[in-house]
Amino acid sequence: MFFVCQKKDLKNYSSRHRELSSILAIQLFNEQGTTVVSTNHIASAIGISPCNLYYHFRNKEDIIRAIFEQMDAYGFEQYHVILDNYQPGTIEAIEQKIFRTVLQPYVVGKFA
């Protein structure tokens, strides 16, 4: 049995696979540390071969870089939400910035 995919479906599948790889890598890194976890561990946790993981990431450093880029984009997005809702320099803006960029991701488990 085989499945027929349109090219756009493959692109969506690829980006979802990359996102899932990052999420599971974060879990493994948090549980075991970045020095202990290898790309083989990450591929195994996802249920793919290491070769498939290398399609999305060159190496473990590339995975960590992608995670930091996601965290940075999330922080930047949250910063703009704060600016849209609060006057810059007010106590409320500062409190929201600290909560949304530092505390909330860990509270809701986005990066935990």
PDB file of N, CA and C in Angstrom:
ATOM      1  N   MET A   1       0.834  -1.164   0.000  1.00  0.00           N
ATOM      2  CA  MET A   1       0.000   0.000   0.000  1.00  0.00           C
ATOM      3  C   MET A   1       0.888   1.240   0.000  1.00  0.00           C
ATOM      4  N   PHE A   2       0.484   2.258  -0.731  1.00  0.00           N
ATOM      5  CA  PHE A   2       1.219   3.507  -0.728  1.00  0.00           C
ATOM      6  C   PHE A   2       0.233   4.667  -0.776  1.00  0.00           C
ATOM      7  N   PHE A   3       0.709   5.812  -0.393  1.00  0.00           N
ATOM      8  CA  PHE A   3      -0.117   7.006  -0.366  1.00  0.00           C
ATOM      9  C   PHE A   3       0.392   7.985  -1.411  1.00  0.00           C
ATOM     10  N   VAL A   4      -0.523   8.631  -2.074  1.00  0.00           N
ATOM     11  CA  VAL A   4      -0.158   9.640  -3.053  1.00  0.00           C
ATOM     12  C   VAL A   4      -0.277  10.995  -2.390  1.00  0.00           C
ATOM     13  N   CYS A   5       0.792  11.764  -2.454  1.00  0.00           N
ATOM     14  CA  CYS A   5       0.802  13.090  -1.848  1.00  0.00           C
ATOM     15  C   CYS A   5       1.096  14.136  -2.910  1.00  0.00           C
ATOM     16  N   GLN A   6       0.410  15.223  -2.798  1.00  0.00           N
ATOM     17  CA  GLN A   6       0.749  16.350  -3.650  1.00  0.00           C
ATOM     18  C   GLN A   6       1.981  17.017  -3.065  1.00  0.00           C
ATOM     19  N   LYS A   7       2.664  17.798  -3.898  1.00  0.00           N
ATOM     20  CA  LYS A   7       3.889  18.437  -3.448  1.00  0.00           C
ATOM     21  C   LYS A   7       3.653  19.315  -2.230  1.00  0.00           C
ATOM     22  N   LYS A   8       2.527  20.045  -2.191  1.00  0.00           N
ATOM     23  CA  LYS A   8       2.252  20.903  -1.039  1.00  0.00           C
ATOM     24  C   LYS A   8       2.040  20.070   0.222  1.00  0.00           C
ATOM     25  N   ASP A   9       1.472  18.861   0.092  1.00  0.00           N
ATOM     26  CA  ASP A   9       1.299  17.981   1.241  1.00  0.00           C
ATOM     27  C   ASP A   9       2.652  17.551   1.801  1.00  0.00           C
ATOM     28  N   LEU A  10       3.600  17.288   0.918  1.00  0.00           N
ATOM     29  CA  LEU A  10       4.937  16.899   1.357  1.00  0.00           C
ATOM     30  C   LEU A  10       5.607  18.037   2.103  1.00  0.00           C
ATOM     31  N   LYS A  11       5.396  19.272   1.643  1.00  0.00           N
ATOM     32  CA  LYS A  11       5.988  20.422   2.323  1.00  0.00           C
ATOM     33  C   LYS A  11       5.398  20.551   3.722  1.00  0.00           C
ATOM     34  N   ASN A  12       4.081  20.416   3.866  1.00  0.00           N
ATOM     35  CA  ASN A  12       3.441  20.483   5.179  1.00  0.00           C
ATOM     36  C   ASN A  12       3.938  19.352   6.072  1.00  0.00           C
ATOM     37  N   TYR A  13       4.049  18.160   5.503  1.00  0.00           N
ATOM     38  CA  TYR A  13       4.535  17.005   6.257  1.00  0.00           C
ATOM     39  C   TYR A  13       5.957  17.269   6.749  1.00  0.00           C
ATOM     40  N   SER A  14       6.787  17.826   5.877  1.00  0.00           N
ATOM     41  CA  SER A  14       8.169  18.098   6.226  1.00  0.00           C
ATOM     42  C   SER A  14       8.272  19.118   7.349  1.00  0.00           C
ATOM     43  N   SER A  15       7.492  20.188   7.282  1.00  0.00           N
ATOM     44  CA  SER A  15       7.557  21.204   8.334  1.00  0.00           C
ATOM     45  C   SER A  15       7.010  20.662   9.651  1.00  0.00           C
ATOM     46  N   ARG A  16       5.974  19.820   9.590  1.00  0.00           N
ATOM     47  CA  ARG A  16       5.453  19.205  10.816  1.00  0.00           C
ATOM     48  C   ARG A  16       6.485  18.266  11.424  1.00  0.00           C
ATOM     49  N   HIS A  17       7.177  17.531  10.567  1.00  0.00           N
ATOM     50  CA  HIS A  17       8.207  16.605  11.033  1.00  0.00           C
ATOM     51  C   HIS A  17       9.333  17.371  11.715  1.00  0.00           C
ATOM     52  N   ARG A  18       9.720  18.492  11.126  1.00  0.00           N
ATOM     53  CA  ARG A  18      10.778  19.329  11.708  1.00  0.00           C
ATOM     54  C   ARG A  18      10.328  19.881  13.059  1.00  0.00           C
ATOM     55  N   GLU A  19       9.069  20.331  13.135  1.00  0.00           N
ATOM     56  CA  GLU A  19       8.534  20.862  14.388  1.00  0.00           C
ATOM     57  C   GLU A  19       8.466  19.779  15.455  1.00  0.00           C
ATOM     58  N   LEU A  20       7.991  18.593  15.079  1.00  0.00           N
ATOM     59  CA  LEU A  20       7.930  17.476  16.024  1.00  0.00           C
ATOM     60  C   LEU A  20       9.331  17.111  16.509  1.00  0.00           C
ATOM     61  N   SER A  21      10.296  17.134  15.607  1.00  0.00           N
ATOM     62  CA  SER A  21      11.678  16.836  15.985  1.00  0.00           C
ATOM     63  C   SER A  21      12.157  17.820  17.040  1.00  0.00           C
ATOM     64  N   SER A  22      11.852  19.102  16.857  1.00  0.00           N
ATOM     65  CA  SER A  22      12.267  20.120  17.826  1.00  0.00           C
ATOM     66  C   SER A  22      11.597  19.905  19.172  1.00  0.00           C
ATOM     67  N   ILE A  23      10.309  19.614  19.155  1.00  0.00           N
ATOM     68  CA  ILE A  23       9.570  19.417  20.407  1.00  0.00           C
ATOM     69  C   ILE A  23      10.129  18.230  21.188  1.00  0.00           C
ATOM     70  N   LEU A  24      10.331  17.117  20.512  1.00  0.00           N
ATOM     71  CA  LEU A  24      10.857  15.938  21.201  1.00  0.00           C
ATOM     72  C   LEU A  24      12.307  16.132  21.628  1.00  0.00           C
ATOM     73  N   ALA A  25      13.077  16.877  20.840  1.00  0.00           N
ATOM     74  CA  ALA A  25      14.458  17.165  21.228  1.00  0.00           C
ATOM     75  C   ALA A  25      14.472  18.003  22.503  1.00  0.00           C
ATOM     76  N   ILE A  26      13.568  18.980  22.609  1.00  0.00           N
ATOM     77  CA  ILE A  26      13.482  19.790  23.827  1.00  0.00           C
ATOM     78  C   ILE A  26      13.202  18.900  25.029  1.00  0.00           C
ATOM     79  N   GLN A  27      12.253  17.977  24.878  1.00  0.00           N
ATOM     80  CA  GLN A  27      11.936  17.062  25.976  1.00  0.00           C
ATOM     81  C   GLN A  27      13.163  16.251  26.392  1.00  0.00           C
ATOM     82  N   LEU A  28      13.835  15.664  25.413  1.00  0.00           N
ATOM     83  CA  LEU A  28      15.015  14.841  25.710  1.00  0.00           C
ATOM     84  C   LEU A  28      16.132  15.673  26.327  1.00  0.00           C
ATOM     85  N   PHE A  29      16.366  16.863  25.787  1.00  0.00           N
ATOM     86  CA  PHE A  29      17.413  17.729  26.328  1.00  0.00           C
ATOM     87  C   PHE A  29      17.103  18.115  27.770  1.00  0.00           C
ATOM     88  N   ASN A  30      15.831  18.412  28.059  1.00  0.00           N
ATOM     89  CA  ASN A  30      15.442  18.780  29.426  1.00  0.00           C
ATOM     90  C   ASN A  30      15.576  17.609  30.392  1.00  0.00           C
ATOM     91  N   GLU A  31      15.263  16.410  29.921  1.00  0.00           N
ATOM     92  CA  GLU A  31      15.320  15.231  30.785  1.00  0.00           C
ATOM     93  C   GLU A  31      16.745  14.732  31.004  1.00  0.00           C
ATOM     94  N   GLN A  32      17.565  14.718  29.937  1.00  0.00           N
ATOM     95  CA  GLN A  32      18.866  14.052  30.007  1.00  0.00           C
ATOM     96  C   GLN A  32      20.058  14.983  29.806  1.00  0.00           C
ATOM     97  N   GLY A  33      19.825  16.175  29.296  1.00  0.00           N
ATOM     98  CA  GLY A  33      20.915  17.115  29.021  1.00  0.00           C
ATOM     99  C   GLY A  33      21.371  17.025  27.578  1.00  0.00           C
ATOM    100  N   THR A  34      21.880  18.134  27.082  1.00  0.00           N
ATOM    101  CA  THR A  34      22.269  18.176  25.668  1.00  0.00           C
ATOM    102  C   THR A  34      23.509  17.344  25.363  1.00  0.00           C
ATOM    103  N   THR A  35      24.376  17.146  26.339  1.00  0.00           N
ATOM    104  CA  THR A  35      25.585  16.362  26.061  1.00  0.00           C
ATOM    105  C   THR A  35      25.291  14.873  25.946  1.00  0.00           C
ATOM    106  N   VAL A  36      24.285  14.403  26.657  1.00  0.00           N
ATOM    107  CA  VAL A  36      23.956  12.971  26.655  1.00  0.00           C
ATOM    108  C   VAL A  36      23.128  12.582  25.425  1.00  0.00           C
ATOM    109  N   VAL A  37      22.231  13.453  25.005  1.00  0.00           N
ATOM    110  CA  VAL A  37      21.302  13.138  23.921  1.00  0.00           C
ATOM    111  C   VAL A  37      22.001  13.290  22.569  1.00  0.00           C
ATOM    112  N   SER A  38      21.893  12.257  21.764  1.00  0.00           N
ATOM    113  CA  SER A  38      22.470  12.288  20.419  1.00  0.00           C
ATOM    114  C   SER A  38      21.355  12.399  19.380  1.00  0.00           C
ATOM    115  N   THR A  39      21.749  12.613  18.150  1.00  0.00           N
ATOM    116  CA  THR A  39      20.747  12.653  17.075  1.00  0.00           C
ATOM    117  C   THR A  39      20.069  11.288  16.934  1.00  0.00           C
ATOM    118  N   ASN A  40      20.786  10.222  17.237  1.00  0.00           N
ATOM    119  CA  ASN A  40      20.174   8.888  17.196  1.00  0.00           C
ATOM    120  C   ASN A  40      19.074   8.760  18.249  1.00  0.00           C
ATOM    121  N   HIS A  41      19.308   9.325  19.447  1.00  0.00           N
ATOM    122  CA  HIS A  41      18.274   9.305  20.489  1.00  0.00           C
ATOM    123  C   HIS A  41      17.029  10.071  20.020  1.00  0.00           C
ATOM    124  N   ILE A  42      17.259  11.229  19.420  1.00  0.00           N
ATOM    125  CA  ILE A  42      16.143  12.056  18.955  1.00  0.00           C
ATOM    126  C   ILE A  42      15.367  11.330  17.862  1.00  0.00           C
ATOM    127  N   ALA A  43      16.077  10.769  16.905  1.00  0.00           N
ATOM    128  CA  ALA A  43      15.416  10.041  15.811  1.00  0.00           C
ATOM    129  C   ALA A  43      14.607   8.869  16.364  1.00  0.00           C
ATOM    130  N   SER A  44      15.170   8.156  17.319  1.00  0.00           N
ATOM    131  CA  SER A  44      14.473   7.022  17.925  1.00  0.00           C
ATOM    132  C   SER A  44      13.202   7.471  18.645  1.00  0.00           C
ATOM    133  N   ALA A  45      13.282   8.594  19.365  1.00  0.00           N
ATOM    134  CA  ALA A  45      12.108   9.111  20.087  1.00  0.00           C
ATOM    135  C   ALA A  45      10.998   9.506  19.123  1.00  0.00           C
ATOM    136  N   ILE A  46      11.381   9.995  17.947  1.00  0.00           N
ATOM    137  CA  ILE A  46      10.392  10.402  16.945  1.00  0.00           C
ATOM    138  C   ILE A  46       9.829   9.186  16.222  1.00  0.00           C
ATOM    139  N   GLY A  47      10.646   8.152  16.139  1.00  0.00           N
ATOM    140  CA  GLY A  47      10.229   6.952  15.408  1.00  0.00           C
ATOM    141  C   GLY A  47      10.639   6.995  13.949  1.00  0.00           C
ATOM    142  N   ILE A  48      11.764   7.680  13.674  1.00  0.00           N
ATOM    143  CA  ILE A  48      12.283   7.752  12.310  1.00  0.00           C
ATOM    144  C   ILE A  48      13.735   7.309  12.324  1.00  0.00           C
ATOM    145  N   SER A  49      14.280   7.102  11.142  1.00  0.00           N
ATOM    146  CA  SER A  49      15.691   6.733  11.052  1.00  0.00           C
ATOM    147  C   SER A  49      16.548   7.991  11.202  1.00  0.00           C
ATOM    148  N   PRO A  50      17.782   7.837  11.643  1.00  0.00           N
ATOM    149  CA  PRO A  50      18.675   8.996  11.723  1.00  0.00           C
ATOM    150  C   PRO A  50      18.828   9.715  10.380  1.00  0.00           C
ATOM    151  N   CYS A  51      18.779   8.958   9.284  1.00  0.00           N
ATOM    152  CA  CYS A  51      18.889   9.577   7.954  1.00  0.00           C
ATOM    153  C   CYS A  51      17.733  10.544   7.707  1.00  0.00           C
ATOM    154  N   ASN A  52      16.547  10.172   8.139  1.00  0.00           N
ATOM    155  CA  ASN A  52      15.405  11.074   7.982  1.00  0.00           C
ATOM    156  C   ASN A  52      15.569  12.330   8.831  1.00  0.00           C
ATOM    157  N   LEU A  53      16.134  12.180  10.016  1.00  0.00           N
ATOM    158  CA  LEU A  53      16.381  13.347  10.852  1.00  0.00           C
ATOM    159  C   LEU A  53      17.396  14.265  10.186  1.00  0.00           C
ATOM    160  N   TYR A  54      18.412  13.680   9.556  1.00  0.00           N
ATOM    161  CA  TYR A  54      19.439  14.475   8.882  1.00  0.00           C
ATOM    162  C   TYR A  54      18.887  15.188   7.653  1.00  0.00           C
ATOM    163  N   TYR A  55      17.750  14.780   7.174  1.00  0.00           N
ATOM    164  CA  TYR A  55      17.097  15.509   6.084  1.00  0.00           C
ATOM    165  C   TYR A  55      16.664  16.891   6.578  1.00  0.00           C
ATOM    166  N   HIS A  56      16.260  16.973   7.845  1.00  0.00           N
ATOM    167  CA  HIS A  56      15.753  18.219   8.421  1.00  0.00           C
ATOM    168  C   HIS A  56      16.840  19.022   9.128  1.00  0.00           C
ATOM    169  N   PHE A  57      17.811  18.332   9.714  1.00  0.00           N
ATOM    170  CA  PHE A  57      18.863  18.992  10.497  1.00  0.00           C
ATOM    171  C   PHE A  57      20.215  18.376  10.144  1.00  0.00           C
ATOM    172  N   ARG A  58      21.233  19.220  10.033  1.00  0.00           N
ATOM    173  CA  ARG A  58      22.573  18.709   9.692  1.00  0.00           C
ATOM    174  C   ARG A  58      23.190  17.925  10.841  1.00  0.00           C
ATOM    175  N   ASN A  59      22.945  18.392  12.084  1.00  0.00           N
ATOM    176  CA  ASN A  59      23.550  17.771  13.251  1.00  0.00           C
ATOM    177  C   ASN A  59      22.815  18.257  14.501  1.00  0.00           C
ATOM    178  N   LYS A  60      23.300  17.841  15.659  1.00  0.00           N
ATOM    179  CA  LYS A  60      22.649  18.231  16.918  1.00  0.00           C
ATOM    180  C   LYS A  60      22.715  19.738  17.127  1.00  0.00           C
ATOM    181  N   GLU A  61      23.805  20.356  16.750  1.00  0.00           N
ATOM    182  CA  GLU A  61      23.937  21.806  16.874  1.00  0.00           C
ATOM    183  C   GLU A  61      22.854  22.520  16.067  1.00  0.00           C
ATOM    184  N   ASP A  62      22.558  22.005  14.898  1.00  0.00           N
ATOM    185  CA  ASP A  62      21.504  22.584  14.053  1.00  0.00           C
ATOM    186  C   ASP A  62      20.133  22.469  14.729  1.00  0.00           C
ATOM    187  N   ILE A  63      19.898  21.372  15.438  1.00  0.00           N
ATOM    188  CA  ILE A  63      18.641  21.186  16.177  1.00  0.00           C
ATOM    189  C   ILE A  63      18.560  22.215  17.307  1.00  0.00           C
ATOM    190  N   ILE A  64      19.642  22.376  18.040  1.00  0.00           N
ATOM    191  CA  ILE A  64      19.661  23.341  19.137  1.00  0.00           C
ATOM    192  C   ILE A  64      19.479  24.757  18.602  1.00  0.00           C
ATOM    193  N   ARG A  65      20.100  25.058  17.476  1.00  0.00           N
ATOM    194  CA  ARG A  65      19.937  26.376  16.862  1.00  0.00           C
ATOM    195  C   ARG A  65      18.473  26.604  16.476  1.00  0.00           C
ATOM    196  N   ALA A  66      17.830  25.600  15.926  1.00  0.00           N
ATOM    197  CA  ALA A  66      16.413  25.726  15.544  1.00  0.00           C
ATOM    198  C   ALA A  66      15.536  25.966  16.774  1.00  0.00           C
ATOM    199  N   ILE A  67      15.863  25.305  17.883  1.00  0.00           N
ATOM    200  CA  ILE A  67      15.107  25.495  19.124  1.00  0.00           C
ATOM    201  C   ILE A  67      15.255  26.935  19.605  1.00  0.00           C
ATOM    202  N   PHE A  68      16.489  27.444  19.596  1.00  0.00           N
ATOM    203  CA  PHE A  68      16.708  28.835  20.019  1.00  0.00           C
ATOM    204  C   PHE A  68      15.990  29.816  19.092  1.00  0.00           C
ATOM    205  N   GLU A  69      15.978  29.521  17.800  1.00  0.00           N
ATOM    206  CA  GLU A  69      15.262  30.393  16.856  1.00  0.00           C
ATOM    207  C   GLU A  69      13.767  30.399  17.150  1.00  0.00           C
ATOM    208  N   GLN A  70      13.204  29.234  17.486  1.00  0.00           N
ATOM    209  CA  GLN A  70      11.788  29.159  17.854  1.00  0.00           C
ATOM    210  C   GLN A  70      11.517  29.965  19.120  1.00  0.00           C
ATOM    211  N   MET A  71      12.396  29.816  20.103  1.00  0.00           N
ATOM    212  CA  MET A  71      12.221  30.553  21.361  1.00  0.00           C
ATOM    213  C   MET A  71      12.340  32.055  21.128  1.00  0.00           C
ATOM    214  N   ASP A  72      13.289  32.451  20.288  1.00  0.00           N
ATOM    215  CA  ASP A  72      13.476  33.862  19.980  1.00  0.00           C
ATOM    216  C   ASP A  72      12.256  34.424  19.254  1.00  0.00           C
ATOM    217  N   ALA A  73      11.738  33.679  18.284  1.00  0.00           N
ATOM    218  CA  ALA A  73      10.555  34.132  17.544  1.00  0.00           C
ATOM    219  C   ALA A  73       9.355  34.251  18.470  1.00  0.00           C
ATOM    220  N   TYR A  74       9.215  33.303  19.374  1.00  0.00           N
ATOM    221  CA  TYR A  74       8.116  33.348  20.335  1.00  0.00           C
ATOM    222  C   TYR A  74       8.241  34.574  21.232  1.00  0.00           C
ATOM    223  N   GLY A  75       9.440  34.849  21.740  1.00  0.00           N
ATOM    224  CA  GLY A  75       9.662  36.018  22.589  1.00  0.00           C
ATOM    225  C   GLY A  75       9.403  37.311  21.840  1.00  0.00           C
ATOM    226  N   PHE A  76       9.841  37.384  20.597  1.00  0.00           N
ATOM    227  CA  PHE A  76       9.631  38.572  19.772  1.00  0.00           C
ATOM    228  C   PHE A  76       8.139  38.799  19.523  1.00  0.00           C
ATOM    229  N   GLU A  77       7.432  37.715  19.235  1.00  0.00           N
ATOM    230  CA  GLU A  77       5.979  37.786  19.023  1.00  0.00           C
ATOM    231  C   GLU A  77       5.278  38.292  20.285  1.00  0.00           C
ATOM    232  N   GLN A  78       5.652  37.754  21.430  1.00  0.00           N
ATOM    233  CA  GLN A  78       5.039  38.169  22.685  1.00  0.00           C
ATOM    234  C   GLN A  78       5.363  39.618  23.026  1.00  0.00           C
ATOM    235  N   TYR A  79       6.569  40.049  22.688  1.00  0.00           N
ATOM    236  CA  TYR A  79       6.968  41.436  22.923  1.00  0.00           C
ATOM    237  C   TYR A  79       6.051  42.381  22.143  1.00  0.00           C
ATOM    238  N   HIS A  80       5.749  42.032  20.901  1.00  0.00           N
ATOM    239  CA  HIS A  80       4.874  42.880  20.084  1.00  0.00           C
ATOM    240  C   HIS A  80       3.432  42.858  20.589  1.00  0.00           C
ATOM    241  N   VAL A  81       2.994  41.752  21.121  1.00  0.00           N
ATOM    242  CA  VAL A  81       1.665  41.697  21.729  1.00  0.00           C
ATOM    243  C   VAL A  81       1.600  42.670  22.902  1.00  0.00           C
ATOM    244  N   ILE A  82       2.640  42.684  23.696  1.00  0.00           N
ATOM    245  CA  ILE A  82       2.696  43.594  24.843  1.00  0.00           C
ATOM    246  C   ILE A  82       2.688  45.047  24.372  1.00  0.00           C
ATOM    247  N   LEU A  83       3.492  45.364  23.369  1.00  0.00           N
ATOM    248  CA  LEU A  83       3.547  46.737  22.862  1.00  0.00           C
ATOM    249  C   LEU A  83       2.202  47.187  22.301  1.00  0.00           C
ATOM    250  N   ASP A  84       1.464  46.255  21.723  1.00  0.00           N
ATOM    251  CA  ASP A  84       0.149  46.598  21.179  1.00  0.00           C
ATOM    252  C   ASP A  84      -0.870  46.877  22.275  1.00  0.00           C
ATOM    253  N   ASN A  85      -0.672  46.319  23.457  1.00  0.00           N
ATOM    254  CA  ASN A  85      -1.661  46.428  24.526  1.00  0.00           C
ATOM    255  C   ASN A  85      -1.294  47.382  25.657  1.00  0.00           C
ATOM    256  N   TYR A  86      -0.027  47.732  25.778  1.00  0.00           N
ATOM    257  CA  TYR A  86       0.406  48.574  26.897  1.00  0.00           C
ATOM    258  C   TYR A  86       1.334  49.668  26.394  1.00  0.00           C
ATOM    259  N   GLN A  87       1.294  50.799  27.062  1.00  0.00           N
ATOM    260  CA  GLN A  87       2.211  51.885  26.746  1.00  0.00           C
ATOM    261  C   GLN A  87       3.624  51.456  27.130  1.00  0.00           C
ATOM    262  N   PRO A  88       4.601  51.641  26.236  1.00  0.00           N
ATOM    263  CA  PRO A  88       5.977  51.299  26.582  1.00  0.00           C
ATOM    264  C   PRO A  88       6.448  52.072  27.817  1.00  0.00           C
ATOM    265  N   GLY A  89       7.182  51.391  28.687  1.00  0.00           N
ATOM    266  CA  GLY A  89       7.740  52.023  29.864  1.00  0.00           C
ATOM    267  C   GLY A  89       6.856  52.015  31.088  1.00  0.00           C
ATOM    268  N   THR A  90       5.611  51.535  30.954  1.00  0.00           N
ATOM    269  CA  THR A  90       4.738  51.484  32.125  1.00  0.00           C
ATOM    270  C   THR A  90       5.026  50.222  32.924  1.00  0.00           C
ATOM    271  N   ILE A  91       4.645  50.241  34.169  1.00  0.00           N
ATOM    272  CA  ILE A  91       4.830  49.069  35.035  1.00  0.00           C
ATOM    273  C   ILE A  91       4.094  47.864  34.457  1.00  0.00           C
ATOM    274  N   GLU A  92       2.883  48.090  33.936  1.00  0.00           N
ATOM    275  CA  GLU A  92       2.103  46.987  33.369  1.00  0.00           C
ATOM    276  C   GLU A  92       2.838  46.349  32.189  1.00  0.00           C
ATOM    277  N   ALA A  93       3.435  47.167  31.345  1.00  0.00           N
ATOM    278  CA  ALA A  93       4.161  46.644  30.189  1.00  0.00           C
ATOM    279  C   ALA A  93       5.365  45.824  30.635  1.00  0.00           C
ATOM    280  N   ILE A  94       6.067  46.324  31.639  1.00  0.00           N
ATOM    281  CA  ILE A  94       7.238  45.605  32.145  1.00  0.00           C
ATOM    282  C   ILE A  94       6.822  44.279  32.781  1.00  0.00           C
ATOM    283  N   GLU A  95       5.756  44.296  33.579  1.00  0.00           N
ATOM    284  CA  GLU A  95       5.270  43.056  34.203  1.00  0.00           C
ATOM    285  C   GLU A  95       4.853  42.045  33.144  1.00  0.00           C
ATOM    286  N   GLN A  96       4.119  42.492  32.138  1.00  0.00           N
ATOM    287  CA  GLN A  96       3.675  41.591  31.078  1.00  0.00           C
ATOM    288  C   GLN A  96       4.858  41.041  30.294  1.00  0.00           C
ATOM    289  N   LYS A  97       5.841  41.892  30.033  1.00  0.00           N
ATOM    290  CA  LYS A  97       7.017  41.440  29.288  1.00  0.00           C
ATOM    291  C   LYS A  97       7.736  40.338  30.057  1.00  0.00           C
ATOM    292  N   ILE A  98       7.940  40.567  31.338  1.00  0.00           N
ATOM    293  CA  ILE A  98       8.628  39.560  32.150  1.00  0.00           C
ATOM    294  C   ILE A  98       7.814  38.271  32.209  1.00  0.00           C
ATOM    295  N   PHE A  99       6.518  38.382  32.441  1.00  0.00           N
ATOM    296  CA  PHE A  99       5.691  37.188  32.547  1.00  0.00           C
ATOM    297  C   PHE A  99       5.647  36.426  31.227  1.00  0.00           C
ATOM    298  N   ARG A 100       5.367  37.121  30.142  1.00  0.00           N
ATOM    299  CA  ARG A 100       5.185  36.439  28.859  1.00  0.00           C
ATOM    300  C   ARG A 100       6.468  35.897  28.264  1.00  0.00           C
ATOM    301  N   THR A 101       7.564  36.581  28.456  1.00  0.00           N
ATOM    302  CA  THR A 101       8.796  36.123  27.818  1.00  0.00           C
ATOM    303  C   THR A 101       9.654  35.235  28.702  1.00  0.00           C
ATOM    304  N   VAL A 102       9.514  35.371  30.011  1.00  0.00           N
ATOM    305  CA  VAL A 102      10.380  34.592  30.899  1.00  0.00           C
ATOM    306  C   VAL A 102       9.613  33.490  31.616  1.00  0.00           C
ATOM    307  N   LEU A 103       8.514  33.817  32.218  1.00  0.00           N
ATOM    308  CA  LEU A 103       7.816  32.856  33.070  1.00  0.00           C
ATOM    309  C   LEU A 103       6.785  32.011  32.339  1.00  0.00           C
ATOM    310  N   GLN A 104       5.944  32.613  31.539  1.00  0.00           N
ATOM    311  CA  GLN A 104       4.826  31.889  30.937  1.00  0.00           C
ATOM    312  C   GLN A 104       5.238  30.671  30.106  1.00  0.00           C
ATOM    313  N   PRO A 105       6.286  30.760  29.253  1.00  0.00           N
ATOM    314  CA  PRO A 105       6.632  29.553  28.484  1.00  0.00           C
ATOM    315  C   PRO A 105       6.889  28.335  29.356  1.00  0.00           C
ATOM    316  N   TYR A 106       7.444  28.532  30.541  1.00  0.00           N
ATOM    317  CA  TYR A 106       7.735  27.419  31.440  1.00  0.00           C
ATOM    318  C   TYR A 106       6.494  27.000  32.215  1.00  0.00           C
ATOM    319  N   VAL A 107       5.627  27.966  32.503  1.00  0.00           N
ATOM    320  CA  VAL A 107       4.403  27.662  33.242  1.00  0.00           C
ATOM    321  C   VAL A 107       3.471  26.823  32.380  1.00  0.00           C
ATOM    322  N   VAL A 108       3.310  27.194  31.119  1.00  0.00           N
ATOM    323  CA  VAL A 108       2.390  26.468  30.244  1.00  0.00           C
ATOM    324  C   VAL A 108       3.060  25.306  29.539  1.00  0.00           C
ATOM    325  N   GLY A 109       4.377  25.136  29.721  1.00  0.00           N
ATOM    326  CA  GLY A 109       5.071  23.977  29.175  1.00  0.00           C
ATOM    327  C   GLY A 109       5.493  24.117  27.738  1.00  0.00           C
ATOM    328  N   LYS A 110       5.498  25.329  27.175  1.00  0.00           N
ATOM    329  CA  LYS A 110       5.891  25.480  25.792  1.00  0.00           C
ATOM    330  C   LYS A 110       7.326  25.044  25.573  1.00  0.00           C
ATOM    331  N   PHE A 111       8.230  25.385  26.494  1.00  0.00           N
ATOM    332  CA  PHE A 111       9.628  24.998  26.335  1.00  0.00           C
ATOM    333  C   PHE A 111      10.079  24.078  27.459  1.00  0.00           C
ATOM    334  N   ALA A 112       9.156  23.624  28.278  1.00  0.00           N
ATOM    335  CA  ALA A 112       9.535  22.754  29.382  1.00  0.00           C
ATOM    336  C   ALA A 112       9.443  21.304  28.975  1.00  0.00           C
TER     337      ALA A 112
END
